[in-house]
N, C-alpha and C. Protein backbone atom coordinates (compact mmCIF):
# COMPACT_ATOMS: atom_id res chain seq x y z
N MET A 1 97.44 112.09 108.81
CA MET A 1 98.81 111.66 109.05
C MET A 1 99.48 111.47 107.70
N ALA A 2 100.60 112.10 107.49
CA ALA A 2 101.38 111.87 106.28
C ALA A 2 102.10 110.54 106.42
N VAL A 3 101.89 109.67 105.48
CA VAL A 3 102.45 108.33 105.55
C VAL A 3 103.91 108.35 105.13
N ALA A 4 104.75 107.61 105.87
CA ALA A 4 106.17 107.49 105.50
C ALA A 4 106.28 106.70 104.20
N ALA A 5 107.46 106.62 103.66
CA ALA A 5 107.68 105.90 102.41
C ALA A 5 107.16 104.46 102.53
N TRP A 6 106.57 104.00 101.45
CA TRP A 6 106.10 102.62 101.38
C TRP A 6 107.25 101.75 100.91
N ILE A 7 107.44 100.61 101.56
CA ILE A 7 108.50 99.67 101.21
C ILE A 7 107.85 98.46 100.54
N LEU A 8 108.26 98.16 99.30
CA LEU A 8 107.69 97.01 98.60
C LEU A 8 108.21 95.71 99.17
N TYR A 9 107.31 94.73 99.28
CA TYR A 9 107.72 93.37 99.64
C TYR A 9 108.47 92.76 98.45
N ASP A 10 109.42 91.88 98.72
CA ASP A 10 110.26 91.29 97.67
C ASP A 10 109.45 90.68 96.54
N GLN A 11 108.39 89.97 96.85
CA GLN A 11 107.60 89.29 95.83
C GLN A 11 106.65 90.21 95.08
N ALA A 12 106.40 91.41 95.57
CA ALA A 12 105.42 92.31 94.96
C ALA A 12 105.77 92.63 93.51
N GLY A 13 107.03 92.88 93.22
CA GLY A 13 107.43 93.18 91.84
C GLY A 13 107.13 92.02 90.91
N LEU A 14 107.43 90.81 91.35
CA LEU A 14 107.12 89.62 90.55
C LEU A 14 105.62 89.50 90.34
N TYR A 15 104.84 89.70 91.40
CA TYR A 15 103.38 89.61 91.28
C TYR A 15 102.84 90.64 90.28
N LEU A 16 103.44 91.83 90.24
CA LEU A 16 102.99 92.86 89.30
C LEU A 16 103.36 92.49 87.86
N VAL A 17 104.54 91.92 87.68
CA VAL A 17 105.01 91.58 86.33
C VAL A 17 104.32 90.34 85.78
N ASP A 18 104.10 89.32 86.62
CA ASP A 18 103.53 88.08 86.10
C ASP A 18 101.99 88.07 86.08
N GLY A 19 101.36 89.17 86.52
CA GLY A 19 99.92 89.29 86.44
C GLY A 19 99.17 88.74 87.65
N THR A 20 99.89 88.23 88.65
CA THR A 20 99.22 87.77 89.87
C THR A 20 98.46 88.94 90.50
N ILE A 21 99.09 90.12 90.49
CA ILE A 21 98.43 91.35 90.91
C ILE A 21 98.30 92.23 89.68
N ASP A 22 97.06 92.51 89.29
CA ASP A 22 96.77 93.41 88.17
C ASP A 22 96.14 94.65 88.78
N LEU A 23 96.96 95.66 89.09
CA LEU A 23 96.46 96.80 89.86
C LEU A 23 95.26 97.52 89.23
N PRO A 24 95.14 97.59 87.92
CA PRO A 24 93.92 98.24 87.41
C PRO A 24 92.63 97.48 87.74
N THR A 25 92.72 96.17 87.99
CA THR A 25 91.50 95.40 88.24
C THR A 25 91.46 94.73 89.62
N THR A 26 92.58 94.65 90.32
CA THR A 26 92.63 93.99 91.62
C THR A 26 92.34 94.99 92.74
N ALA A 27 91.42 94.63 93.63
CA ALA A 27 91.14 95.49 94.78
C ALA A 27 92.35 95.47 95.72
N VAL A 28 92.70 96.63 96.24
CA VAL A 28 93.80 96.75 97.20
C VAL A 28 93.25 97.39 98.47
N ASN A 29 93.57 96.79 99.61
CA ASN A 29 93.13 97.30 100.90
C ASN A 29 94.34 97.64 101.76
N ILE A 30 94.13 98.57 102.69
CA ILE A 30 95.14 98.92 103.69
C ILE A 30 94.71 98.27 105.01
N HIS A 31 95.63 97.51 105.59
CA HIS A 31 95.41 96.85 106.88
C HIS A 31 96.32 97.52 107.91
N LEU A 32 95.89 97.55 109.16
CA LEU A 32 96.68 98.15 110.24
C LEU A 32 97.19 97.08 111.20
N PHE A 33 98.42 97.28 111.67
CA PHE A 33 99.08 96.32 112.56
C PHE A 33 99.68 97.03 113.74
N ASN A 34 99.83 96.29 114.85
CA ASN A 34 100.37 96.90 116.05
C ASN A 34 101.90 96.88 116.05
N SER A 35 102.47 97.39 117.12
CA SER A 35 103.92 97.59 117.18
C SER A 35 104.72 96.30 117.26
N SER A 36 104.09 95.17 117.57
CA SER A 36 104.85 93.92 117.63
C SER A 36 104.66 93.05 116.38
N THR A 37 104.22 93.66 115.29
CA THR A 37 104.02 92.92 114.04
C THR A 37 105.34 92.58 113.36
N ASN A 38 105.29 91.62 112.47
CA ASN A 38 106.45 91.28 111.64
C ASN A 38 106.32 91.88 110.24
N ALA A 39 105.43 92.85 110.07
CA ALA A 39 105.12 93.41 108.75
C ALA A 39 106.33 94.01 108.03
N ALA A 40 107.37 94.39 108.73
CA ALA A 40 108.56 94.97 108.10
C ALA A 40 109.51 93.90 107.55
N THR A 41 109.12 92.65 107.59
CA THR A 41 109.93 91.56 107.02
C THR A 41 109.62 91.48 105.53
N VAL A 42 110.49 92.01 104.68
CA VAL A 42 110.19 92.14 103.25
C VAL A 42 110.11 90.83 102.50
N THR A 43 110.53 89.73 103.11
CA THR A 43 110.44 88.43 102.44
C THR A 43 109.06 87.78 102.59
N LEU A 44 108.17 88.38 103.36
CA LEU A 44 106.81 87.86 103.47
C LEU A 44 106.07 88.11 102.17
N SER A 45 105.06 87.27 101.88
CA SER A 45 104.36 87.47 100.60
C SER A 45 102.84 87.36 100.68
N THR A 46 102.29 86.77 101.76
CA THR A 46 100.83 86.64 101.85
C THR A 46 100.32 87.14 103.20
N LEU A 47 99.05 87.48 103.22
CA LEU A 47 98.42 88.02 104.42
C LEU A 47 98.55 87.08 105.62
N THR A 48 98.47 85.80 105.38
CA THR A 48 98.53 84.83 106.49
C THR A 48 99.87 84.85 107.22
N GLU A 49 100.92 85.34 106.58
CA GLU A 49 102.24 85.38 107.21
C GLU A 49 102.40 86.54 108.19
N LEU A 50 101.54 87.54 108.10
CA LEU A 50 101.65 88.71 108.97
C LEU A 50 101.11 88.41 110.36
N THR A 51 101.71 89.02 111.36
CA THR A 51 101.26 88.86 112.74
C THR A 51 100.74 90.17 113.29
N ASN A 52 99.81 90.06 114.22
CA ASN A 52 99.34 91.17 115.05
C ASN A 52 98.61 92.29 114.30
N GLU A 53 97.67 91.88 113.43
CA GLU A 53 96.77 92.87 112.84
C GLU A 53 95.81 93.32 113.94
N LEU A 54 95.36 94.57 113.86
CA LEU A 54 94.35 95.02 114.81
C LEU A 54 93.13 94.13 114.68
N GLY A 55 92.43 93.90 115.76
CA GLY A 55 91.20 93.12 115.72
C GLY A 55 90.03 93.94 115.22
N SER A 56 88.98 93.27 114.78
CA SER A 56 87.77 93.96 114.36
C SER A 56 87.09 94.56 115.59
N LEU A 57 87.32 95.84 115.80
CA LEU A 57 86.83 96.50 117.01
C LEU A 57 86.92 98.02 116.86
N ASN A 58 85.92 98.71 117.32
CA ASN A 58 85.94 100.18 117.45
C ASN A 58 86.25 100.92 116.15
N GLY A 59 85.73 100.43 115.04
CA GLY A 59 85.91 101.14 113.77
C GLY A 59 86.92 100.50 112.84
N TYR A 60 87.50 99.37 113.24
CA TYR A 60 88.44 98.66 112.36
C TYR A 60 87.90 97.26 112.10
N THR A 61 88.06 96.78 110.87
CA THR A 61 87.71 95.40 110.54
C THR A 61 88.91 94.72 109.91
N LEU A 62 88.96 93.40 110.02
CA LEU A 62 90.08 92.63 109.46
C LEU A 62 90.15 92.72 107.94
N SER A 63 89.14 93.26 107.30
CA SER A 63 89.19 93.47 105.86
C SER A 63 90.02 94.69 105.49
N GLY A 64 90.38 95.50 106.47
CA GLY A 64 91.09 96.73 106.19
C GLY A 64 90.16 97.73 105.52
N LYS A 65 90.75 98.72 104.83
CA LYS A 65 89.99 99.74 104.09
C LYS A 65 90.43 99.72 102.64
N ALA A 66 89.47 99.78 101.75
CA ALA A 66 89.77 99.76 100.31
C ALA A 66 90.46 101.04 99.87
N LEU A 67 91.43 100.89 98.98
CA LEU A 67 92.08 102.04 98.35
C LEU A 67 91.27 102.45 97.12
N THR A 68 91.15 103.74 96.92
CA THR A 68 90.68 104.26 95.64
C THR A 68 91.95 104.69 94.92
N ASP A 69 92.43 103.82 94.02
CA ASP A 69 93.77 103.98 93.46
C ASP A 69 93.75 104.39 91.99
N THR A 70 94.90 104.92 91.54
CA THR A 70 95.06 105.35 90.15
C THR A 70 96.52 105.16 89.72
N TRP A 71 96.72 105.11 88.43
CA TRP A 71 98.06 105.17 87.84
C TRP A 71 98.19 106.53 87.18
N ALA A 72 99.35 107.14 87.27
CA ALA A 72 99.59 108.43 86.64
C ALA A 72 101.01 108.47 86.11
N SER A 73 101.25 109.35 85.17
CA SER A 73 102.62 109.53 84.66
C SER A 73 103.48 110.14 85.73
N GLY A 74 104.73 109.71 85.79
CA GLY A 74 105.68 110.26 86.73
C GLY A 74 106.38 111.47 86.15
N ALA A 75 107.58 111.72 86.60
CA ALA A 75 108.35 112.88 86.17
C ALA A 75 108.82 112.76 84.72
N SER A 76 108.86 111.55 84.19
CA SER A 76 109.27 111.35 82.80
C SER A 76 108.39 110.28 82.17
N ALA A 77 108.55 110.09 80.87
CA ALA A 77 107.76 109.08 80.16
C ALA A 77 108.10 107.66 80.63
N ALA A 78 109.26 107.49 81.26
CA ALA A 78 109.69 106.18 81.72
C ALA A 78 109.18 105.83 83.11
N GLU A 79 108.39 106.72 83.72
CA GLU A 79 107.88 106.49 85.08
C GLU A 79 106.36 106.39 85.08
N GLN A 80 105.87 105.43 85.86
CA GLN A 80 104.44 105.34 86.14
C GLN A 80 104.28 105.34 87.65
N ARG A 81 103.37 106.16 88.14
CA ARG A 81 103.19 106.35 89.58
C ARG A 81 101.86 105.74 90.02
N TYR A 82 101.92 104.89 91.05
CA TYR A 82 100.72 104.31 91.65
C TYR A 82 100.33 105.19 92.83
N ASP A 83 99.10 105.69 92.83
CA ASP A 83 98.68 106.63 93.84
C ASP A 83 97.26 106.28 94.31
N ALA A 84 96.81 106.93 95.35
CA ALA A 84 95.47 106.69 95.89
C ALA A 84 95.01 107.90 96.68
N THR A 85 93.72 107.97 96.90
CA THR A 85 93.18 109.00 97.78
C THR A 85 93.43 108.59 99.23
N ALA A 86 93.23 109.52 100.13
CA ALA A 86 93.43 109.25 101.56
C ALA A 86 92.50 108.13 102.03
N VAL A 87 92.97 107.35 102.99
CA VAL A 87 92.18 106.28 103.61
C VAL A 87 91.89 106.73 105.04
N ILE A 88 90.62 106.62 105.46
CA ILE A 88 90.20 107.18 106.75
C ILE A 88 89.49 106.12 107.59
N TRP A 89 89.91 105.99 108.85
CA TRP A 89 89.22 105.18 109.85
C TRP A 89 88.70 106.12 110.93
N THR A 90 87.51 105.85 111.44
CA THR A 90 86.95 106.63 112.54
C THR A 90 86.78 105.70 113.74
N ALA A 91 87.39 106.08 114.86
CA ALA A 91 87.23 105.30 116.10
C ALA A 91 85.79 105.47 116.58
N SER A 92 85.13 104.34 116.84
CA SER A 92 83.73 104.38 117.23
C SER A 92 83.46 103.31 118.28
N GLY A 93 82.91 103.71 119.41
CA GLY A 93 82.61 102.76 120.49
C GLY A 93 83.79 102.50 121.40
N GLY A 94 84.86 103.23 121.22
CA GLY A 94 86.09 103.07 122.00
C GLY A 94 87.27 103.49 121.16
N ASN A 95 88.44 103.44 121.75
CA ASN A 95 89.65 103.83 121.02
C ASN A 95 89.99 102.82 119.93
N LEU A 96 90.41 103.32 118.78
CA LEU A 96 90.95 102.48 117.72
C LEU A 96 92.39 102.17 118.12
N GLY A 97 92.69 100.90 118.25
CA GLY A 97 94.01 100.53 118.75
C GLY A 97 94.06 100.53 120.26
N SER A 98 92.90 100.38 120.92
CA SER A 98 92.88 100.45 122.38
C SER A 98 93.57 99.27 123.04
N ASN A 99 93.47 98.08 122.45
CA ASN A 99 94.11 96.91 123.04
C ASN A 99 95.56 96.77 122.60
N THR A 100 95.83 97.15 121.38
CA THR A 100 97.19 97.09 120.84
C THR A 100 97.41 98.33 120.01
N ALA A 101 98.46 99.04 120.23
CA ALA A 101 98.70 100.32 119.57
C ALA A 101 98.99 100.15 118.07
N ILE A 102 98.58 101.13 117.30
CA ILE A 102 98.78 101.14 115.85
C ILE A 102 100.20 101.58 115.54
N LYS A 103 100.84 100.91 114.57
CA LYS A 103 102.18 101.33 114.17
C LYS A 103 102.46 101.18 112.68
N VAL A 104 101.90 100.16 112.02
CA VAL A 104 102.26 99.85 110.64
C VAL A 104 101.00 99.68 109.79
N ALA A 105 101.06 100.17 108.54
CA ALA A 105 100.00 99.95 107.55
C ALA A 105 100.57 99.07 106.45
N VAL A 106 99.74 98.17 105.92
CA VAL A 106 100.18 97.26 104.86
C VAL A 106 99.17 97.29 103.72
N MET A 107 99.67 97.43 102.49
CA MET A 107 98.84 97.32 101.29
C MET A 107 98.75 95.86 100.90
N VAL A 108 97.51 95.38 100.75
CA VAL A 108 97.27 93.97 100.44
C VAL A 108 96.38 93.88 99.21
N ALA A 109 96.81 93.11 98.21
CA ALA A 109 96.02 92.88 97.00
C ALA A 109 95.06 91.74 97.25
N THR A 110 93.79 91.94 96.94
CA THR A 110 92.77 90.93 97.17
C THR A 110 92.78 89.94 96.01
N SER A 111 93.50 88.85 96.20
CA SER A 111 93.56 87.80 95.19
C SER A 111 92.65 86.64 95.55
N GLY A 112 92.13 86.64 96.77
CA GLY A 112 91.23 85.59 97.23
C GLY A 112 89.78 86.05 97.15
N ALA A 113 88.91 85.33 97.82
CA ALA A 113 87.48 85.60 97.76
C ALA A 113 87.07 86.87 98.51
N SER A 114 87.87 87.30 99.48
CA SER A 114 87.54 88.51 100.23
C SER A 114 88.83 89.22 100.64
N ALA A 115 88.68 90.41 101.21
CA ALA A 115 89.84 91.21 101.62
C ALA A 115 90.60 90.59 102.79
N LYS A 116 90.00 89.63 103.48
CA LYS A 116 90.70 89.01 104.59
C LYS A 116 91.12 87.57 104.30
N THR A 117 91.09 87.15 103.02
CA THR A 117 91.54 85.82 102.64
C THR A 117 93.04 85.69 102.91
N SER A 118 93.45 84.60 103.53
CA SER A 118 94.83 84.44 103.98
C SER A 118 95.85 84.42 102.83
N THR A 119 95.44 84.04 101.62
CA THR A 119 96.37 83.98 100.49
C THR A 119 96.51 85.30 99.75
N ASN A 120 95.83 86.35 100.19
CA ASN A 120 95.98 87.65 99.54
C ASN A 120 97.44 88.08 99.56
N LYS A 121 97.86 88.74 98.49
CA LYS A 121 99.27 89.08 98.30
C LYS A 121 99.63 90.43 98.90
N LEU A 122 100.80 90.48 99.52
CA LEU A 122 101.32 91.71 100.11
C LEU A 122 101.99 92.55 99.04
N ILE A 123 101.74 93.85 99.08
CA ILE A 123 102.37 94.76 98.13
C ILE A 123 103.46 95.58 98.82
N ALA A 124 103.09 96.32 99.86
CA ALA A 124 104.05 97.21 100.52
C ALA A 124 103.58 97.52 101.94
N TYR A 125 104.51 98.02 102.75
CA TYR A 125 104.17 98.44 104.11
C TYR A 125 104.75 99.82 104.37
N SER A 126 104.18 100.49 105.36
CA SER A 126 104.68 101.79 105.81
C SER A 126 104.63 101.82 107.34
N VAL A 127 105.73 102.22 107.95
CA VAL A 127 105.76 102.42 109.41
C VAL A 127 105.17 103.81 109.65
N LEU A 128 104.08 103.86 110.40
CA LEU A 128 103.34 105.10 110.59
C LEU A 128 103.92 106.00 111.67
N SER A 129 104.64 105.41 112.62
CA SER A 129 105.15 106.17 113.75
C SER A 129 106.31 105.39 114.37
N THR A 130 107.19 106.10 115.06
CA THR A 130 108.29 105.41 115.74
C THR A 130 107.81 104.61 116.93
N SER A 131 106.65 104.99 117.47
CA SER A 131 106.06 104.21 118.56
C SER A 131 104.57 104.05 118.27
N GLY A 132 103.98 103.01 118.85
CA GLY A 132 102.57 102.75 118.63
C GLY A 132 101.69 103.86 119.19
N PHE A 133 100.49 103.98 118.65
CA PHE A 133 99.55 105.00 119.10
C PHE A 133 98.13 104.45 118.98
N ALA A 134 97.21 105.10 119.65
CA ALA A 134 95.78 104.78 119.56
C ALA A 134 95.07 106.02 119.05
N VAL A 135 93.87 105.83 118.49
CA VAL A 135 93.03 106.94 118.03
C VAL A 135 91.83 106.99 118.97
N ALA A 136 91.68 108.11 119.65
CA ALA A 136 90.62 108.25 120.66
C ALA A 136 89.23 108.14 120.03
N ASP A 137 88.31 107.57 120.79
CA ASP A 137 86.93 107.40 120.36
C ASP A 137 86.39 108.70 119.76
N GLY A 138 85.81 108.61 118.56
CA GLY A 138 85.26 109.79 117.88
C GLY A 138 86.24 110.49 116.97
N ASN A 139 87.53 110.21 117.08
CA ASN A 139 88.54 110.83 116.22
C ASN A 139 88.83 109.95 115.02
N THR A 140 89.58 110.49 114.07
CA THR A 140 89.88 109.75 112.85
C THR A 140 91.38 109.55 112.67
N LEU A 141 91.71 108.49 111.97
CA LEU A 141 93.07 108.23 111.49
C LEU A 141 92.98 108.34 109.98
N THR A 142 93.72 109.28 109.41
CA THR A 142 93.72 109.50 107.96
C THR A 142 95.12 109.26 107.43
N LEU A 143 95.25 108.31 106.50
CA LEU A 143 96.53 108.05 105.84
C LEU A 143 96.49 108.70 104.47
N THR A 144 97.36 109.68 104.28
CA THR A 144 97.38 110.45 103.04
C THR A 144 98.66 110.15 102.28
N PRO A 145 98.56 109.56 101.07
CA PRO A 145 99.77 109.31 100.28
C PRO A 145 100.47 110.61 99.91
N ASN A 146 101.76 110.52 99.70
CA ASN A 146 102.57 111.66 99.29
C ASN A 146 102.13 112.09 97.88
N ALA A 147 101.60 113.30 97.78
CA ALA A 147 101.05 113.77 96.51
C ALA A 147 102.09 113.81 95.40
N ALA A 148 103.33 114.11 95.72
CA ALA A 148 104.37 114.23 94.70
C ALA A 148 104.90 112.88 94.23
N ALA A 149 104.95 111.90 95.13
CA ALA A 149 105.57 110.62 94.80
C ALA A 149 104.58 109.46 94.69
N GLY A 150 103.34 109.65 95.14
CA GLY A 150 102.39 108.56 95.15
C GLY A 150 102.79 107.49 96.15
N LEU A 151 102.21 106.30 96.01
CA LEU A 151 102.56 105.20 96.91
C LEU A 151 103.86 104.55 96.48
N PHE A 152 104.03 104.36 95.18
CA PHE A 152 105.31 103.90 94.63
C PHE A 152 105.34 104.18 93.14
N GLU A 153 106.53 104.12 92.57
CA GLU A 153 106.71 104.37 91.14
C GLU A 153 107.39 103.18 90.49
N LEU A 154 107.03 102.94 89.24
CA LEU A 154 107.75 101.99 88.41
C LEU A 154 108.58 102.81 87.43
N ASN A 155 109.87 102.56 87.42
CA ASN A 155 110.79 103.33 86.59
C ASN A 155 111.55 102.45 85.62
N LYS A 156 111.66 102.89 84.40
CA LYS A 156 112.51 102.21 83.42
C LYS A 156 113.87 102.90 83.49
N VAL A 157 114.88 102.14 83.85
CA VAL A 157 116.21 102.73 84.04
C VAL A 157 117.06 102.42 82.83
């Protein structure tokens, strides 16, 4: 699945600048949420504020999936692009999203003791579909960042 544009949470820029999130050293995970989540509220800042994450079931865990991320030069010397390889979930033992349909992915920086610590910081979200969906048992959900734009860019204007 080609992921739609990622929208940064309001506090994410501050966290990147003040060192709360140090992307070269901080683990970042992708979490999945159902269609009734509040994840599109850009004023949220921590994992505990989000509602309706998928439960640990059928190939999904509340820790989300770790990103294998990189920084790269953008179109000019004034741009730095944050990118990652595809993230893949495999439905196993039943449908992924069987109880609540999948709709939104959220990038979360692990600032606490684990990937599911409530104080972990939110970076960005992406709406995956206009309506919720499930992944049938045995199939995969693959989130592939936009190769040309990455997940997001930092630009000096």
